[in-house]
């Protein structure tokens, strides 16, 4: 990490520390009870405590870009885990099964997400939902930037190994990865589905597809029909067009025939006169 990056992150950390100062204007009397690590029966946590936000900021400053360290910073908080660390661990664990392009994708995509998390984390935005939304947003951006679909096509089996059984599937990052894979071109999406079916069984693979809103592979060009999809309409349109064409063509031929017949009739009317004169 360069000097400028560290300076910017330290300024963010200072802002976090400054935000911990009590203020009669911004103090929230109920925050103390809501932000403690309560035991059984406590309300679901909806936001980070200020101290927790400061600790996350400190952890992100110290974390390296490579590996899963930055994602681990989000685990020990009062919020539920966004799940990025678990997904990162699975991708890294199966990295040896990927080809060169796949390994490069894993390295660069995880680095992209770690840097994005470090740069966008804000101590003043402590809602747990905002933290989860940030994790999903970074996934989408980094998968697109580093061409997930191009890396997945020759590495479908390795990608499938990173997806846990549906009964243990946590929402969030795993589903976002699958959603991105199923949104690839038809060939890549089909390869991933086959790999998932081989690993999890057809029923579980179909269940995953249904969780994502459907089991049919997405088209490369949503605005255009898939091959063979418009065959019925094409045949009907062809029939109607042929009928119209025949009727229109018949009228045109009739008109032309009438004109030609008229010209021939006019021409034939002069031949008898010329015949009499010759006799």
C-alpha atoms as a PDB file:
ATOM      1  CA  UNK A   1       0.000   0.000   0.000  1.00  0.00           C
ATOM      2  CA  UNK A   2       1.417   3.391  -0.996  1.00  0.00           C
ATOM      3  CA  UNK A   3       1.977   6.358   1.289  1.00  0.00           C
ATOM      4  CA  UNK A   4      -1.002   8.261  -0.121  1.00  0.00           C
ATOM      5  CA  UNK A   5      -3.330   5.320   0.480  1.00  0.00           C
ATOM      6  CA  UNK A   6      -2.158   4.868   4.054  1.00  0.00           C
ATOM      7  CA  UNK A   7      -2.497   8.584   4.732  1.00  0.00           C
ATOM      8  CA  UNK A   8      -6.067   8.556   3.447  1.00  0.00           C
ATOM      9  CA  UNK A   9      -6.923   5.519   5.566  1.00  0.00           C
ATOM     10  CA  UNK A  10      -5.381   7.053   8.659  1.00  0.00           C
ATOM     11  CA  UNK A  11      -7.503  10.154   8.126  1.00  0.00           C
ATOM     12  CA  UNK A  12     -10.553   7.894   8.007  1.00  0.00           C
ATOM     13  CA  UNK A  13      -9.457   6.257  11.241  1.00  0.00           C
ATOM     14  CA  UNK A  14      -9.007   9.668  12.888  1.00  0.00           C
ATOM     15  CA  UNK A  15     -12.536  10.561  11.777  1.00  0.00           C
ATOM     16  CA  UNK A  16     -13.802   7.347  13.368  1.00  0.00           C
ATOM     17  CA  UNK A  17     -12.023   8.099  16.616  1.00  0.00           C
ATOM     18  CA  UNK A  18     -13.348  11.660  16.585  1.00  0.00           C
ATOM     19  CA  UNK A  19     -16.867  10.314  16.125  1.00  0.00           C
ATOM     20  CA  UNK A  20     -16.612   8.468  19.452  1.00  0.00           C
ATOM     21  CA  UNK A  21     -16.551  11.761  21.355  1.00  0.00           C
ATOM     22  CA  UNK A  22     -19.874  12.219  23.207  1.00  0.00           C
ATOM     23  CA  UNK A  23     -22.153  14.897  21.841  1.00  0.00           C
ATOM     24  CA  UNK A  24     -25.443  16.066  23.353  1.00  0.00           C
ATOM     25  CA  UNK A  25     -26.781  16.583  19.836  1.00  0.00           C
ATOM     26  CA  UNK A  26     -25.896  13.216  18.309  1.00  0.00           C
ATOM     27  CA  UNK A  27     -26.066  10.994  21.364  1.00  0.00           C
ATOM     28  CA  UNK A  28     -28.594   8.136  21.185  1.00  0.00           C
ATOM     29  CA  UNK A  29     -29.709   7.041  24.664  1.00  0.00           C
ATOM     30  CA  UNK A  30     -30.851   3.639  23.425  1.00  0.00           C
ATOM     31  CA  UNK A  31     -27.639   2.820  21.558  1.00  0.00           C
ATOM     32  CA  UNK A  32     -25.910   1.440  24.628  1.00  0.00           C
ATOM     33  CA  UNK A  33     -28.435  -1.302  25.237  1.00  0.00           C
ATOM     34  CA  UNK A  34     -28.924  -2.066  21.566  1.00  0.00           C
ATOM     35  CA  UNK A  35     -25.219  -2.285  20.772  1.00  0.00           C
ATOM     36  CA  UNK A  36     -24.056  -4.566  23.587  1.00  0.00           C
ATOM     37  CA  UNK A  37     -23.270  -8.173  22.855  1.00  0.00           C
ATOM     38  CA  UNK A  38     -26.385  -9.464  24.508  1.00  0.00           C
ATOM     39  CA  UNK A  39     -27.062 -13.075  25.354  1.00  0.00           C
ATOM     40  CA  UNK A  40     -30.070 -15.190  24.499  1.00  0.00           C
ATOM     41  CA  UNK A  41     -33.255 -13.242  24.070  1.00  0.00           C
ATOM     42  CA  UNK A  42     -31.507 -10.025  23.028  1.00  0.00           C
ATOM     43  CA  UNK A  43     -32.857  -8.095  20.055  1.00  0.00           C
ATOM     44  CA  UNK A  44     -31.302  -8.709  16.631  1.00  0.00           C
ATOM     45  CA  UNK A  45     -28.426  -6.340  16.045  1.00  0.00           C
ATOM     46  CA  UNK A  46     -29.184  -3.679  13.466  1.00  0.00           C
ATOM     47  CA  UNK A  47     -26.081  -1.495  13.697  1.00  0.00           C
ATOM     48  CA  UNK A  48     -22.439  -1.553  14.698  1.00  0.00           C
ATOM     49  CA  UNK A  49     -21.480  -0.025  17.998  1.00  0.00           C
ATOM     50  CA  UNK A  50     -19.209   2.994  17.639  1.00  0.00           C
ATOM     51  CA  UNK A  51     -16.397   1.088  19.312  1.00  0.00           C
ATOM     52  CA  UNK A  52     -16.993  -1.790  16.914  1.00  0.00           C
ATOM     53  CA  UNK A  53     -16.823   0.575  13.937  1.00  0.00           C
ATOM     54  CA  UNK A  54     -13.501   1.956  15.169  1.00  0.00           C
ATOM     55  CA  UNK A  55     -12.130  -1.575  15.548  1.00  0.00           C
ATOM     56  CA  UNK A  56     -13.243  -2.485  12.025  1.00  0.00           C
ATOM     57  CA  UNK A  57     -11.539   0.663  10.712  1.00  0.00           C
ATOM     58  CA  UNK A  58      -8.307  -0.190  12.545  1.00  0.00           C
ATOM     59  CA  UNK A  59      -8.436  -3.763  11.261  1.00  0.00           C
ATOM     60  CA  UNK A  60      -8.945  -2.642   7.657  1.00  0.00           C
ATOM     61  CA  UNK A  61      -6.001  -0.245   7.857  1.00  0.00           C
ATOM     62  CA  UNK A  62      -3.736  -3.082   8.990  1.00  0.00           C
ATOM     63  CA  UNK A  63      -5.102  -5.774   6.640  1.00  0.00           C
ATOM     64  CA  UNK A  64      -3.247  -6.749   3.473  1.00  0.00           C
ATOM     65  CA  UNK A  65      -4.864  -6.621   0.048  1.00  0.00           C
ATOM     66  CA  UNK A  66      -4.090 -10.280  -0.639  1.00  0.00           C
ATOM     67  CA  UNK A  67      -5.868 -13.108   1.128  1.00  0.00           C
ATOM     68  CA  UNK A  68      -8.972 -12.871   3.294  1.00  0.00           C
ATOM     69  CA  UNK A  69      -7.697 -10.618   6.086  1.00  0.00           C
ATOM     70  CA  UNK A  70      -9.794  -7.598   5.128  1.00  0.00           C
ATOM     71  CA  UNK A  71     -12.974  -9.693   5.123  1.00  0.00           C
ATOM     72  CA  UNK A  72     -12.135 -11.123   8.538  1.00  0.00           C
ATOM     73  CA  UNK A  73     -12.401  -7.569   9.892  1.00  0.00           C
ATOM     74  CA  UNK A  74     -16.174  -7.777   9.437  1.00  0.00           C
ATOM     75  CA  UNK A  75     -16.608 -11.019  11.360  1.00  0.00           C
ATOM     76  CA  UNK A  76     -16.104  -9.962  14.981  1.00  0.00           C
ATOM     77  CA  UNK A  77     -18.804  -7.311  15.079  1.00  0.00           C
ATOM     78  CA  UNK A  78     -22.269  -6.967  16.554  1.00  0.00           C
ATOM     79  CA  UNK A  79     -23.689  -7.412  13.035  1.00  0.00           C
ATOM     80  CA  UNK A  80     -24.256 -10.785  11.422  1.00  0.00           C
ATOM     81  CA  UNK A  81     -21.366 -11.800   9.204  1.00  0.00           C
ATOM     82  CA  UNK A  82     -21.754 -10.579   5.599  1.00  0.00           C
ATOM     83  CA  UNK A  83     -20.150 -13.891   4.561  1.00  0.00           C
ATOM     84  CA  UNK A  84     -17.296 -12.565   2.431  1.00  0.00           C
ATOM     85  CA  UNK A  85     -14.625 -14.260   4.541  1.00  0.00           C
ATOM     86  CA  UNK A  86     -16.249 -17.695   4.137  1.00  0.00           C
ATOM     87  CA  UNK A  87     -16.546 -17.252   0.370  1.00  0.00           C
ATOM     88  CA  UNK A  88     -12.970 -15.984   0.146  1.00  0.00           C
ATOM     89  CA  UNK A  89     -11.723 -19.007   2.096  1.00  0.00           C
ATOM     90  CA  UNK A  90     -13.529 -21.402  -0.279  1.00  0.00           C
ATOM     91  CA  UNK A  91     -12.172 -19.683  -3.390  1.00  0.00           C
ATOM     92  CA  UNK A  92      -8.623 -19.714  -2.020  1.00  0.00           C
ATOM     93  CA  UNK A  93      -8.926 -23.334  -0.849  1.00  0.00           C
ATOM     94  CA  UNK A  94      -9.778 -24.543  -4.362  1.00  0.00           C
ATOM     95  CA  UNK A  95      -7.473 -22.135  -6.213  1.00  0.00           C
ATOM     96  CA  UNK A  96      -5.139 -24.959  -7.291  1.00  0.00           C
ATOM     97  CA  UNK A  97      -7.947 -26.440  -9.387  1.00  0.00           C
ATOM     98  CA  UNK A  98      -8.205 -23.331 -11.573  1.00  0.00           C
ATOM     99  CA  UNK A  99      -6.208 -22.653 -14.708  1.00  0.00           C
ATOM    100  CA  UNK A 100      -3.981 -19.578 -15.027  1.00  0.00           C
ATOM    101  CA  UNK A 101      -6.874 -17.334 -15.984  1.00  0.00           C
ATOM    102  CA  UNK A 102      -8.969 -18.599 -13.086  1.00  0.00           C
ATOM    103  CA  UNK A 103      -6.167 -18.099 -10.558  1.00  0.00           C
ATOM    104  CA  UNK A 104      -5.649 -14.557 -11.822  1.00  0.00           C
ATOM    105  CA  UNK A 105      -9.364 -13.838 -11.483  1.00  0.00           C
ATOM    106  CA  UNK A 106      -9.471 -15.049  -7.866  1.00  0.00           C
ATOM    107  CA  UNK A 107      -6.425 -13.001  -6.918  1.00  0.00           C
ATOM    108  CA  UNK A 108      -7.552  -9.783  -8.603  1.00  0.00           C
ATOM    109  CA  UNK A 109     -11.238 -10.018  -7.663  1.00  0.00           C
ATOM    110  CA  UNK A 110     -10.467 -10.600  -3.970  1.00  0.00           C
ATOM    111  CA  UNK A 111      -7.927  -7.777  -4.032  1.00  0.00           C
ATOM    112  CA  UNK A 112     -10.508  -5.511  -5.674  1.00  0.00           C
ATOM    113  CA  UNK A 113     -13.079  -6.290  -2.972  1.00  0.00           C
ATOM    114  CA  UNK A 114     -10.580  -5.817  -0.134  1.00  0.00           C
ATOM    115  CA  UNK A 115      -9.464  -2.434  -1.454  1.00  0.00           C
ATOM    116  CA  UNK A 116     -13.054  -1.365  -2.064  1.00  0.00           C
ATOM    117  CA  UNK A 117     -14.064  -2.373   1.454  1.00  0.00           C
ATOM    118  CA  UNK A 118     -11.161  -0.452   2.954  1.00  0.00           C
ATOM    119  CA  UNK A 119     -11.826   2.631   0.857  1.00  0.00           C
ATOM    120  CA  UNK A 120     -15.601   2.774   1.334  1.00  0.00           C
ATOM    121  CA  UNK A 121     -16.074   1.726   4.936  1.00  0.00           C
ATOM    122  CA  UNK A 122     -17.397   4.675   6.899  1.00  0.00           C
ATOM    123  CA  UNK A 123     -17.679   4.826  10.660  1.00  0.00           C
ATOM    124  CA  UNK A 124     -20.698   7.094  10.381  1.00  0.00           C
ATOM    125  CA  UNK A 125     -22.656   4.487   8.410  1.00  0.00           C
ATOM    126  CA  UNK A 126     -22.976   1.776  11.018  1.00  0.00           C
ATOM    127  CA  UNK A 127     -26.183   0.012   9.990  1.00  0.00           C
ATOM    128  CA  UNK A 128     -25.703  -3.715   9.502  1.00  0.00           C
ATOM    129  CA  UNK A 129     -27.811  -3.615   6.348  1.00  0.00           C
ATOM    130  CA  UNK A 130     -25.481  -0.975   4.870  1.00  0.00           C
ATOM    131  CA  UNK A 131     -22.497  -3.230   5.587  1.00  0.00           C
ATOM    132  CA  UNK A 132     -24.154  -6.173   3.815  1.00  0.00           C
ATOM    133  CA  UNK A 133     -25.156  -3.977   0.881  1.00  0.00           C
ATOM    134  CA  UNK A 134     -21.565  -2.763   0.555  1.00  0.00           C
ATOM    135  CA  UNK A 135     -20.293  -6.357   0.440  1.00  0.00           C
ATOM    136  CA  UNK A 136     -22.729  -7.279  -2.362  1.00  0.00           C
ATOM    137  CA  UNK A 137     -22.022  -4.097  -4.303  1.00  0.00           C
ATOM    138  CA  UNK A 138     -18.287  -4.778  -4.218  1.00  0.00           C
ATOM    139  CA  UNK A 139     -18.876  -8.318  -5.463  1.00  0.00           C
ATOM    140  CA  UNK A 140     -20.873  -7.124  -8.462  1.00  0.00           C
ATOM    141  CA  UNK A 141     -18.343  -4.458  -9.391  1.00  0.00           C
ATOM    142  CA  UNK A 142     -15.270  -6.652  -8.996  1.00  0.00           C
ATOM    143  CA  UNK A 143     -16.766  -9.677 -10.788  1.00  0.00           C
ATOM    144  CA  UNK A 144     -17.607  -7.452 -13.743  1.00  0.00           C
ATOM    145  CA  UNK A 145     -14.269  -5.614 -13.741  1.00  0.00           C
ATOM    146  CA  UNK A 146     -12.211  -8.808 -13.679  1.00  0.00           C
ATOM    147  CA  UNK A 147     -14.435 -10.802 -16.075  1.00  0.00           C
ATOM    148  CA  UNK A 148     -15.928 -13.563 -13.976  1.00  0.00           C
ATOM    149  CA  UNK A 149     -17.677 -15.174 -16.965  1.00  0.00           C
ATOM    150  CA  UNK A 150     -14.472 -15.477 -18.994  1.00  0.00           C
ATOM    151  CA  UNK A 151     -12.730 -17.116 -16.024  1.00  0.00           C
ATOM    152  CA  UNK A 152     -15.663 -19.394 -15.169  1.00  0.00           C
ATOM    153  CA  UNK A 153     -16.143 -21.016 -18.572  1.00  0.00           C
ATOM    154  CA  UNK A 154     -13.006 -23.240 -18.409  1.00  0.00           C
ATOM    155  CA  UNK A 155     -13.220 -23.492 -14.590  1.00  0.00           C
ATOM    156  CA  UNK A 156     -16.862 -24.457 -14.036  1.00  0.00           C
ATOM    157  CA  UNK A 157     -16.057 -27.513 -11.883  1.00  0.00           C
ATOM    158  CA  UNK A 158     -13.749 -25.528  -9.611  1.00  0.00           C
ATOM    159  CA  UNK A 159     -16.381 -22.796  -9.271  1.00  0.00           C
ATOM    160  CA  UNK A 160     -18.984 -25.402  -8.315  1.00  0.00           C
ATOM    161  CA  UNK A 161     -16.726 -26.671  -5.521  1.00  0.00           C
ATOM    162  CA  UNK A 162     -16.861 -23.238  -3.897  1.00  0.00           C
ATOM    163  CA  UNK A 163     -20.648 -23.443  -3.467  1.00  0.00           C
ATOM    164  CA  UNK A 164     -21.838 -25.207  -0.287  1.00  0.00           C
ATOM    165  CA  UNK A 165     -24.796 -27.558  -0.059  1.00  0.00           C
ATOM    166  CA  UNK A 166     -28.112 -25.643  -0.365  1.00  0.00           C
ATOM    167  CA  UNK A 167     -29.166 -26.668   3.151  1.00  0.00           C
ATOM    168  CA  UNK A 168     -26.087 -24.881   4.509  1.00  0.00           C
ATOM    169  CA  UNK A 169     -26.077 -22.076   1.967  1.00  0.00           C
ATOM    170  CA  UNK A 170     -25.826 -18.676   3.641  1.00  0.00           C
ATOM    171  CA  UNK A 171     -27.529 -15.826   1.903  1.00  0.00           C
ATOM    172  CA  UNK A 172     -25.467 -13.016   0.498  1.00  0.00           C
ATOM    173  CA  UNK A 173     -22.082 -13.541  -1.144  1.00  0.00           C
ATOM    174  CA  UNK A 174     -22.637 -17.180  -2.194  1.00  0.00           C
ATOM    175  CA  UNK A 175     -25.948 -16.366  -3.838  1.00  0.00           C
ATOM    176  CA  UNK A 176     -24.447 -13.271  -5.439  1.00  0.00           C
ATOM    177  CA  UNK A 177     -21.667 -15.399  -6.931  1.00  0.00           C
ATOM    178  CA  UNK A 178     -24.222 -17.883  -8.297  1.00  0.00           C
ATOM    179  CA  UNK A 179     -26.398 -15.083  -9.617  1.00  0.00           C
ATOM    180  CA  UNK A 180     -23.425 -13.652 -11.482  1.00  0.00           C
ATOM    181  CA  UNK A 181     -22.473 -17.081 -12.871  1.00  0.00           C
ATOM    182  CA  UNK A 182     -26.033 -17.846 -13.999  1.00  0.00           C
ATOM    183  CA  UNK A 183     -26.136 -14.451 -15.728  1.00  0.00           C
ATOM    184  CA  UNK A 184     -23.182 -15.327 -17.961  1.00  0.00           C
ATOM    185  CA  UNK A 185     -23.608 -16.397 -21.579  1.00  0.00           C
ATOM    186  CA  UNK A 186     -25.568 -19.598 -22.196  1.00  0.00           C
ATOM    187  CA  UNK A 187     -22.502 -21.816 -22.660  1.00  0.00           C
ATOM    188  CA  UNK A 188     -20.853 -20.688 -19.403  1.00  0.00           C
ATOM    189  CA  UNK A 189     -24.092 -20.793 -17.431  1.00  0.00           C
ATOM    190  CA  UNK A 190     -24.852 -24.307 -18.716  1.00  0.00           C
ATOM    191  CA  UNK A 191     -21.336 -25.508 -17.818  1.00  0.00           C
ATOM    192  CA  UNK A 192     -21.724 -24.217 -14.249  1.00  0.00           C
ATOM    193  CA  UNK A 193     -25.153 -25.843 -13.921  1.00  0.00           C
ATOM    194  CA  UNK A 194     -23.806 -29.200 -15.122  1.00  0.00           C
ATOM    195  CA  UNK A 195     -20.952 -28.983 -12.626  1.00  0.00           C
ATOM    196  CA  UNK A 196     -23.368 -28.144  -9.800  1.00  0.00           C
ATOM    197  CA  UNK A 197     -25.671 -31.018 -10.797  1.00  0.00           C
ATOM    198  CA  UNK A 198     -22.737 -33.443 -10.819  1.00  0.00           C
ATOM    199  CA  UNK A 199     -21.596 -32.292  -7.391  1.00  0.00           C
ATOM    200  CA  UNK A 200     -24.860 -31.633  -5.551  1.00  0.00           C
ATOM    201  CA  UNK A 201     -27.346 -33.712  -7.522  1.00  0.00           C
ATOM    202  CA  UNK A 202     -29.952 -32.510  -9.964  1.00  0.00           C
ATOM    203  CA  UNK A 203     -32.594 -31.731  -7.331  1.00  0.00           C
ATOM    204  CA  UNK A 204     -30.301 -29.534  -5.245  1.00  0.00           C
ATOM    205  CA  UNK A 205     -28.931 -27.769  -8.319  1.00  0.00           C
ATOM    206  CA  UNK A 206     -32.502 -27.012  -9.407  1.00  0.00           C
ATOM    207  CA  UNK A 207     -33.271 -25.738  -5.904  1.00  0.00           C
ATOM    208  CA  UNK A 208     -30.361 -23.322  -6.181  1.00  0.00           C
ATOM    209  CA  UNK A 209     -31.624 -22.110  -9.542  1.00  0.00           C
ATOM    210  CA  UNK A 210     -35.100 -21.568  -8.104  1.00  0.00           C
ATOM    211  CA  UNK A 211     -33.638 -19.565  -5.228  1.00  0.00           C
ATOM    212  CA  UNK A 212     -32.205 -17.248  -7.847  1.00  0.00           C
ATOM    213  CA  UNK A 213     -35.504 -16.799  -9.648  1.00  0.00           C
ATOM    214  CA  UNK A 214     -35.626 -19.513 -12.289  1.00  0.00           C
ATOM    215  CA  UNK A 215     -33.829 -22.519 -13.715  1.00  0.00           C
ATOM    216  CA  UNK A 216     -33.590 -21.489 -17.369  1.00  0.00           C
ATOM    217  CA  UNK A 217     -30.225 -20.148 -18.541  1.00  0.00           C
ATOM    218  CA  UNK A 218     -30.266 -16.472 -19.338  1.00  0.00           C
ATOM    219  CA  UNK A 219     -29.892 -15.275 -22.882  1.00  0.00           C
ATOM    220  CA  UNK A 220     -26.863 -13.367 -24.036  1.00  0.00           C
ATOM    221  CA  UNK A 221     -29.142 -10.811 -25.680  1.00  0.00           C
ATOM    222  CA  UNK A 222     -32.353 -10.476 -23.669  1.00  0.00           C
ATOM    223  CA  UNK A 223     -33.952  -8.344 -26.369  1.00  0.00           C
ATOM    224  CA  UNK A 224     -33.525 -11.026 -29.042  1.00  0.00           C
ATOM    225  CA  UNK A 225     -35.274 -14.436 -29.099  1.00  0.00           C
ATOM    226  CA  UNK A 226     -33.149 -17.511 -28.595  1.00  0.00           C
ATOM    227  CA  UNK A 227     -32.621 -19.781 -31.637  1.00  0.00           C
ATOM    228  CA  UNK A 228     -35.798 -21.745 -32.395  1.00  0.00           C
ATOM    229  CA  UNK A 229     -37.817 -19.734 -29.892  1.00  0.00           C
ATOM    230  CA  UNK A 230     -39.692 -17.741 -32.550  1.00  0.00           C
ATOM    231  CA  UNK A 231     -40.191 -20.685 -34.939  1.00  0.00           C
ATOM    232  CA  UNK A 232     -43.969 -20.844 -34.480  1.00  0.00           C
ATOM    233  CA  UNK A 233     -44.384 -17.113 -34.923  1.00  0.00           C
ATOM    234  CA  UNK A 234     -42.035 -17.219 -37.879  1.00  0.00           C
ATOM    235  CA  UNK A 235     -44.029 -19.984 -39.533  1.00  0.00           C
ATOM    236  CA  UNK A 236     -47.349 -18.226 -38.945  1.00  0.00           C
ATOM    237  CA  UNK A 237     -45.917 -14.928 -40.114  1.00  0.00           C
ATOM    238  CA  UNK A 238     -44.484 -16.665 -43.172  1.00  0.00           C
ATOM    239  CA  UNK A 239     -47.856 -18.188 -44.018  1.00  0.00           C
ATOM    240  CA  UNK A 240     -49.707 -14.897 -43.651  1.00  0.00           C
ATOM    241  CA  UNK A 241     -47.007 -13.060 -45.537  1.00  0.00           C
ATOM    242  CA  UNK A 242     -47.179 -15.657 -48.319  1.00  0.00           C
ATOM    243  CA  UNK A 243     -50.945 -15.282 -48.576  1.00  0.00           C
ATOM    244  CA  UNK A 244     -50.741 -11.515 -48.677  1.00  0.00           C
ATOM    245  CA  UNK A 245     -47.926 -11.703 -51.173  1.00  0.00           C
ATOM    246  CA  UNK A 246     -49.913 -14.074 -53.394  1.00  0.00           C
ATOM    247  CA  UNK A 247     -52.966 -11.825 -53.323  1.00  0.00           C
ATOM    248  CA  UNK A 248     -50.944  -8.692 -53.948  1.00  0.00           C
ATOM    249  CA  UNK A 249     -48.906 -10.438 -56.627  1.00  0.00           C
ATOM    250  CA  UNK A 250     -52.075 -11.726 -58.287  1.00  0.00           C
ATOM    251  CA  UNK A 251     -53.542  -8.267 -58.444  1.00  0.00           C
ATOM    252  CA  UNK A 252     -50.359  -6.874 -59.938  1.00  0.00           C
ATOM    253  CA  UNK A 253     -50.154  -9.680 -62.501  1.00  0.00           C
ATOM    254  CA  UNK A 254     -53.822  -9.160 -63.372  1.00  0.00           C
ATOM    255  CA  UNK A 255     -53.261  -5.487 -63.914  1.00  0.00           C
ATOM    256  CA  UNK A 256     -50.240  -6.085 -66.106  1.00  0.00           C
ATOM    257  CA  UNK A 257     -52.087  -8.817 -68.025  1.00  0.00           C
ATOM    258  CA  UNK A 258     -55.003  -6.479 -68.660  1.00  0.00           C
ATOM    259  CA  UNK A 259     -52.697  -3.818 -69.971  1.00  0.00           C
ATOM    260  CA  UNK A 260     -50.889  -6.255 -72.250  1.00  0.00           C
ATOM    261  CA  UNK A 261     -54.197  -7.689 -73.498  1.00  0.00           C
ATOM    262  CA  UNK A 262     -55.471  -4.229 -74.277  1.00  0.00           C
ATOM    263  CA  UNK A 263     -52.356  -3.404 -76.241  1.00  0.00           C
ATOM    264  CA  UNK A 264     -52.569  -6.660 -78.196  1.00  0.00           C
ATOM    265  CA  UNK A 265     -56.269  -6.062 -78.952  1.00  0.00           C
ATOM    266  CA  UNK A 266     -55.594  -2.570 -80.225  1.00  0.00           C
ATOM    267  CA  UNK A 267     -52.774  -3.841 -82.369  1.00  0.00           C
ATOM    268  CA  UNK A 268     -54.927  -6.668 -83.843  1.00  0.00           C
ATOM    269  CA  UNK A 269     -57.672  -4.236 -84.902  1.00  0.00           C
ATOM    270  CA  UNK A 270     -55.386  -2.750 -87.576  1.00  0.00           C
ATOM    271  CA  UNK A 271     -54.353  -6.056 -89.157  1.00  0.00           C
ATOM    272  CA  UNK A 272     -57.652  -6.750 -91.087  1.00  0.00           C
ATOM    273  CA  UNK A 273     -57.484  -3.369 -92.859  1.00  0.00           C
ATOM    274  CA  UNK A 274     -53.949  -3.988 -93.965  1.00  0.00           C
ATOM    275  CA  UNK A 275     -55.008  -7.469 -95.149  1.00  0.00           C
ATOM    276  CA  UNK A 276     -57.786  -6.103 -97.441  1.00  0.00           C
ATOM    277  CA  UNK A 277     -55.465  -3.620 -99.095  1.00  0.00           C
ATOM    278  CA  UNK A 278     -53.005  -6.376 -99.866  1.00  0.00           C
ATOM    279  CA  UNK A 279     -55.671  -8.425-101.607  1.00  0.00           C
END
